[in-house]
Amino acid sequence: MDRKSHHLGQVIYFSHGGGPLPILGDPSHERMVAFMRDLPGFIRRPEAVVVFSAHWEEDIVTIQSGGRPGILYDYSGFPEAAYRIEYPCQGDKALAGRIAGLIEKQGIPCRLDDRRPYDHGSYIPLKLIYPDAGIPVLQVSLLSSLDPSRHLDLGRALRPLLDENVLVIGSGFSFHNMRRFDFSGRTTADPVNDAFQDQLIEVCCREEDEANRLARLRDWASWPGARTCHPREEHLLPLLVCTALAAGPGRTVFDDAILGKRAVAFLWSQAV
């Protein structure tokens, strides 16, 4: 395949669920777990995975560069099994260096971090998607400024990754208001939640004009119900990175309830 005429890279944004609950067999995550386990069947197996997790913020873009990062149990109050989860994959120092070069080329400050462990926004979904842990994984941080423009710029800087067989994952949650989740898994009508998810689908999958698509995402906080759905936007920002990186419209590959709230996932990929 001609790497310049056919993008090898694939990009996906999804909701990673409530802490370790997907791994612990929580019934409210059944559909999400089934989606993640089925995902390898309709995407190309990548040579490396790059994750933008909602659970890592830094003052400047920071790239995980360790050879075999550890596991960070960045949650509390769960059964003991949640603190024995392992995902013994390798990092990718060479890819980390290439990513740093792409970011710096666009004038965006960044640094490498060879001690950063994987957080649960990375190893929980990957344990479902690629349980063999046979693909190198590295994470790239969000920015603690939470500035949407800077995250869109970060995504655009990384578009050359589309010429490599790399899977870029935005791991967040398309609805993230802890006070409105239902951990019993009941789903009740929520027009605000529905309207926000519909707006995400419209912008990310149906808006053909790139400038309009990114401008609308930049102004996401002005959408009706935006701050009800995201009192703090760290779980939405991986979507901004992914949308800007992918360049074109995506397609909806998951639209169902997680923790009693409707959530969506988007994929940007050529057919396998």
Protein backbone atom coordinates (compact mmCIF):
# COMPACT_ATOMS: atom_id res chain seq x y z
CA MET A 1 0.00 0.00 0.00
CA ASP A 2 1.25 3.48 -0.86
CA ARG A 3 1.66 5.16 2.53
CA LYS A 4 1.25 8.63 1.02
CA SER A 5 -1.95 7.97 -0.92
CA HIS A 6 -3.71 5.79 1.66
CA HIS A 7 -3.75 6.74 5.32
CA LEU A 8 -2.60 3.87 7.49
CA GLY A 9 -3.32 5.73 10.70
CA GLN A 10 -6.64 5.30 12.49
CA VAL A 11 -8.23 7.59 15.06
CA ILE A 12 -10.95 6.81 17.57
CA TYR A 13 -12.59 8.67 20.43
CA PHE A 14 -14.62 6.76 23.01
CA SER A 15 -15.97 6.88 26.54
CA HIS A 16 -13.79 4.70 28.75
CA GLY A 17 -16.38 4.09 31.48
CA GLY A 18 -16.25 4.48 35.23
CA GLY A 19 -12.75 3.76 36.53
CA PRO A 20 -12.06 -0.01 36.56
CA LEU A 21 -15.75 -0.97 36.38
CA PRO A 22 -15.56 -2.28 32.79
CA ILE A 23 -12.92 -4.83 33.86
CA LEU A 24 -14.78 -5.77 37.05
CA GLY A 25 -17.90 -6.98 35.22
CA ASP A 26 -20.18 -4.09 36.12
CA PRO A 27 -23.51 -4.71 34.31
CA SER A 28 -23.98 -1.04 33.38
CA HIS A 29 -20.90 -1.34 31.14
CA GLU A 30 -21.94 -4.47 29.23
CA ARG A 31 -22.58 -2.77 25.88
CA MET A 32 -19.43 -0.66 26.14
CA VAL A 33 -17.35 -3.75 26.94
CA ALA A 34 -18.87 -5.63 23.97
CA PHE A 35 -18.07 -2.69 21.68
CA MET A 36 -14.43 -2.58 22.79
CA ARG A 37 -13.95 -6.32 22.52
CA ASP A 38 -15.39 -6.24 19.00
CA LEU A 39 -13.34 -3.23 17.89
CA PRO A 40 -10.31 -5.18 16.57
CA GLY A 41 -12.61 -6.90 14.09
CA PHE A 42 -13.26 -3.73 12.09
CA ILE A 43 -10.01 -1.79 12.37
CA ARG A 44 -6.50 -2.61 11.18
CA ARG A 45 -4.18 -3.99 13.87
CA PRO A 46 -1.76 -1.12 14.52
CA GLU A 47 1.96 -1.25 15.08
CA ALA A 48 1.65 1.23 17.97
CA VAL A 49 -1.07 2.95 20.00
CA VAL A 50 -1.03 6.60 21.09
CA VAL A 51 -3.49 7.56 23.82
CA PHE A 52 -4.77 10.99 24.84
CA SER A 53 -6.36 10.27 28.21
CA ALA A 54 -8.65 12.57 30.16
CA HIS A 55 -6.64 11.63 33.24
CA TRP A 56 -3.31 13.25 32.36
CA GLU A 57 -2.87 17.02 32.28
CA GLU A 58 0.39 18.98 32.23
CA ASP A 59 1.45 22.61 31.86
CA ILE A 60 3.03 21.76 28.49
CA VAL A 61 2.42 18.79 26.21
CA THR A 62 4.20 15.81 27.78
CA ILE A 63 4.94 12.55 25.99
CA GLN A 64 5.38 9.25 27.76
CA SER A 65 8.75 7.86 26.67
CA GLY A 66 9.54 5.01 29.05
CA GLY A 67 10.44 1.60 27.67
CA ARG A 68 7.98 -0.27 29.88
CA PRO A 69 5.75 2.13 31.85
CA GLY A 70 4.11 0.97 35.05
CA ILE A 71 0.45 1.10 36.08
CA LEU A 72 -1.14 3.98 38.01
CA TYR A 73 -4.20 2.98 40.01
CA ASP A 74 -5.69 6.45 39.80
CA TYR A 75 -9.01 5.64 41.44
CA SER A 76 -10.23 4.73 44.91
CA GLY A 77 -13.02 2.91 46.70
CA PHE A 78 -13.12 -0.16 44.44
CA PRO A 79 -12.69 -3.87 45.28
CA GLU A 80 -9.20 -5.23 45.79
CA ALA A 81 -9.18 -6.75 42.31
CA ALA A 82 -9.09 -3.23 40.85
CA TYR A 83 -5.60 -2.78 42.30
CA ARG A 84 -4.20 -5.96 40.79
CA ILE A 85 -4.98 -5.10 37.16
CA GLU A 86 -1.92 -5.36 34.92
CA TYR A 87 -1.26 -4.44 31.31
CA PRO A 88 2.37 -5.37 30.61
CA CYS A 89 2.84 -3.76 27.20
CA GLN A 90 5.95 -1.94 26.04
CA GLY A 91 6.34 1.77 25.43
CA ASP A 92 7.78 3.20 22.23
CA LYS A 93 10.69 5.59 22.73
CA ALA A 94 11.28 6.06 19.02
CA LEU A 95 7.66 7.03 18.37
CA ALA A 96 7.73 9.36 21.37
CA GLY A 97 10.69 11.14 19.80
CA ARG A 98 8.92 11.46 16.44
CA ILE A 99 5.83 12.86 18.12
CA ALA A 100 7.95 15.40 19.99
CA GLY A 101 9.51 16.45 16.70
CA LEU A 102 6.13 16.95 15.02
CA ILE A 103 4.86 19.03 17.92
CA GLU A 104 7.97 21.18 18.14
CA LYS A 105 7.89 21.75 14.38
CA GLN A 106 4.60 23.61 14.89
CA GLY A 107 6.04 25.75 17.67
CA ILE A 108 4.26 23.90 20.47
CA PRO A 109 6.39 23.37 23.60
CA CYS A 110 6.68 19.78 24.75
CA ARG A 111 8.81 17.42 26.82
CA LEU A 112 9.45 13.70 27.19
CA ASP A 113 8.73 11.84 30.44
CA ASP A 114 10.29 8.40 30.85
CA ARG A 115 8.73 7.82 34.29
CA ARG A 116 5.05 8.44 33.58
CA PRO A 117 2.94 5.28 34.17
CA TYR A 118 -0.22 4.35 32.28
CA ASP A 119 -3.42 5.73 33.82
CA HIS A 120 -6.78 3.98 33.72
CA GLY A 121 -7.90 5.95 30.67
CA SER A 122 -5.31 3.89 28.82
CA TYR A 123 -4.98 0.42 30.32
CA ILE A 124 -8.65 -0.23 31.11
CA PRO A 125 -9.95 0.09 27.52
CA LEU A 126 -6.80 -1.46 26.02
CA LYS A 127 -7.17 -4.50 28.24
CA LEU A 128 -10.51 -5.05 26.52
CA ILE A 129 -9.43 -4.13 22.99
CA TYR A 130 -5.99 -5.78 22.87
CA PRO A 131 -5.82 -8.10 25.89
CA ASP A 132 -2.58 -9.67 24.70
CA ALA A 133 -0.76 -6.40 25.46
CA GLY A 134 1.33 -7.11 22.38
CA ILE A 135 1.26 -3.61 20.85
CA PRO A 136 3.49 -0.78 22.14
CA VAL A 137 1.50 2.01 23.81
CA LEU A 138 2.40 5.56 24.74
CA GLN A 139 0.35 8.39 26.18
CA VAL A 140 0.41 12.10 25.39
CA SER A 141 -0.89 14.53 27.96
CA LEU A 142 -3.62 17.10 27.71
CA LEU A 143 -2.91 20.68 28.71
CA SER A 144 -3.97 21.85 32.15
CA SER A 145 -5.06 25.16 30.61
CA LEU A 146 -8.00 23.23 29.06
CA ASP A 147 -7.81 25.69 26.15
CA PRO A 148 -9.77 24.18 23.22
CA SER A 149 -7.72 26.06 20.60
CA ARG A 150 -4.46 24.62 21.91
CA HIS A 151 -5.84 21.09 21.80
CA LEU A 152 -7.03 21.57 18.23
CA ASP A 153 -3.55 22.87 17.35
CA LEU A 154 -2.04 19.78 18.98
CA GLY A 155 -4.20 17.50 16.87
CA ARG A 156 -3.28 19.28 13.64
CA ALA A 157 0.42 19.06 14.50
CA LEU A 158 0.17 15.27 14.66
CA ARG A 159 -1.50 14.68 11.28
CA PRO A 160 1.68 13.11 9.83
CA LEU A 161 0.94 10.15 12.14
CA LEU A 162 -1.78 9.23 9.66
CA ASP A 163 0.99 8.06 7.34
CA GLU A 164 2.03 5.44 9.91
CA ASN A 165 0.19 2.32 11.06
CA VAL A 166 -0.65 3.96 14.38
CA LEU A 167 -3.95 3.91 16.27
CA VAL A 168 -4.63 7.21 18.04
CA ILE A 169 -7.13 6.91 20.88
CA GLY A 170 -8.94 9.78 22.55
CA SER A 171 -10.04 8.26 25.85
CA GLY A 172 -12.58 10.37 27.70
CA PHE A 173 -16.37 10.47 28.07
CA SER A 174 -18.79 12.31 25.79
CA PHE A 175 -20.91 13.07 28.87
CA HIS A 176 -19.11 13.65 32.16
CA ASN A 177 -21.10 15.08 35.01
CA MET A 178 -20.48 12.87 38.03
CA ARG A 179 -23.57 14.13 39.86
CA ARG A 180 -25.87 13.02 37.04
CA PHE A 181 -24.51 9.52 36.41
CA ASP A 182 -26.55 6.60 37.68
CA PHE A 183 -24.17 3.91 38.90
CA SER A 184 -27.03 1.43 39.14
CA GLY A 185 -27.13 1.50 35.32
CA ARG A 186 -30.68 2.79 34.98
CA THR A 187 -31.24 4.97 31.91
CA THR A 188 -33.85 7.70 32.21
CA ALA A 189 -34.85 10.35 29.72
CA ASP A 190 -32.45 13.28 29.74
CA PRO A 191 -33.11 15.79 26.94
CA VAL A 192 -29.99 17.81 27.78
CA ASN A 193 -27.78 14.74 27.50
CA ASP A 194 -29.45 13.70 24.25
CA ALA A 195 -29.17 17.15 22.67
CA PHE A 196 -25.47 17.36 23.48
CA GLN A 197 -24.72 13.91 22.04
CA ASP A 198 -26.71 14.78 18.91
CA GLN A 199 -24.67 17.97 18.53
CA LEU A 200 -21.42 16.01 18.80
CA ILE A 201 -22.60 13.64 16.07
CA GLU A 202 -23.65 16.53 13.84
CA VAL A 203 -20.33 18.36 14.21
CA CYS A 204 -17.93 15.40 14.12
CA CYS A 205 -19.66 13.23 11.51
CA ARG A 206 -21.86 15.42 9.31
CA GLU A 207 -20.04 18.74 9.07
CA GLU A 208 -18.04 18.41 5.85
CA ASP A 209 -16.24 21.74 6.00
CA GLU A 210 -13.12 21.38 8.14
CA ALA A 211 -12.92 25.03 9.20
CA ASN A 212 -16.54 24.99 10.33
CA ARG A 213 -16.11 21.67 12.11
CA LEU A 214 -13.15 22.84 14.15
CA ALA A 215 -14.66 26.27 14.83
CA ARG A 216 -17.80 24.64 16.19
CA LEU A 217 -15.77 22.38 18.44
CA ARG A 218 -13.69 25.33 19.61
CA ASP A 219 -16.93 26.95 20.75
CA TRP A 220 -18.41 23.81 22.31
CA ALA A 221 -19.00 25.56 25.65
CA SER A 222 -21.62 27.79 23.99
CA TRP A 223 -23.77 24.81 22.97
CA PRO A 224 -27.05 24.35 24.86
CA GLY A 225 -26.45 22.25 27.97
CA ALA A 226 -22.68 22.18 27.48
CA ARG A 227 -21.76 22.88 31.08
CA THR A 228 -24.40 20.52 32.37
CA CYS A 229 -22.81 17.74 30.33
CA HIS A 230 -19.23 18.82 31.04
CA PRO A 231 -18.80 20.95 34.19
CA ARG A 232 -15.08 20.49 33.50
CA GLU A 233 -14.00 19.59 29.98
CA GLU A 234 -11.06 17.22 30.46
CA HIS A 235 -13.13 14.24 29.23
CA LEU A 236 -14.14 16.11 26.07
CA LEU A 237 -10.72 17.49 25.10
CA PRO A 238 -9.40 14.17 23.71
CA LEU A 239 -12.20 14.46 21.14
CA LEU A 240 -10.93 17.86 20.02
CA VAL A 241 -7.43 16.45 19.57
CA CYS A 242 -8.75 13.46 17.59
CA THR A 243 -11.05 15.49 15.35
CA ALA A 244 -8.30 17.96 14.42
CA LEU A 245 -5.78 15.16 13.86
CA ALA A 246 -8.10 13.12 11.65
CA ALA A 247 -8.88 16.08 9.34
CA GLY A 248 -12.11 14.67 7.86
CA PRO A 249 -15.54 13.73 9.25
CA GLY A 250 -15.75 10.61 11.38
CA ARG A 251 -18.48 8.04 11.78
CA THR A 252 -20.44 7.04 14.87
CA VAL A 253 -19.49 3.54 16.01
CA PHE A 254 -21.14 3.52 19.46
CA ASP A 255 -24.25 5.30 20.72
CA ASP A 256 -25.61 3.76 23.88
CA ALA A 257 -25.92 4.20 27.64
CA ILE A 258 -23.00 4.00 30.06
CA LEU A 259 -23.73 4.59 33.77
CA GLY A 260 -27.26 5.56 32.82
CA LYS A 261 -26.22 8.30 30.37
CA ARG A 262 -26.05 8.24 26.60
CA ALA A 263 -22.50 8.32 25.25
CA VAL A 264 -21.02 8.19 21.75
CA ALA A 265 -17.81 7.02 20.09
CA PHE A 266 -16.37 8.15 16.75
CA LEU A 267 -13.95 6.44 14.38
CA TRP A 268 -11.87 7.94 11.60
CA SER A 269 -10.51 5.07 9.52
CA GLN A 270 -10.44 3.64 6.04
CA ALA A 271 -12.07 0.23 5.73
CA VAL A 272 -9.76 -2.67 6.56
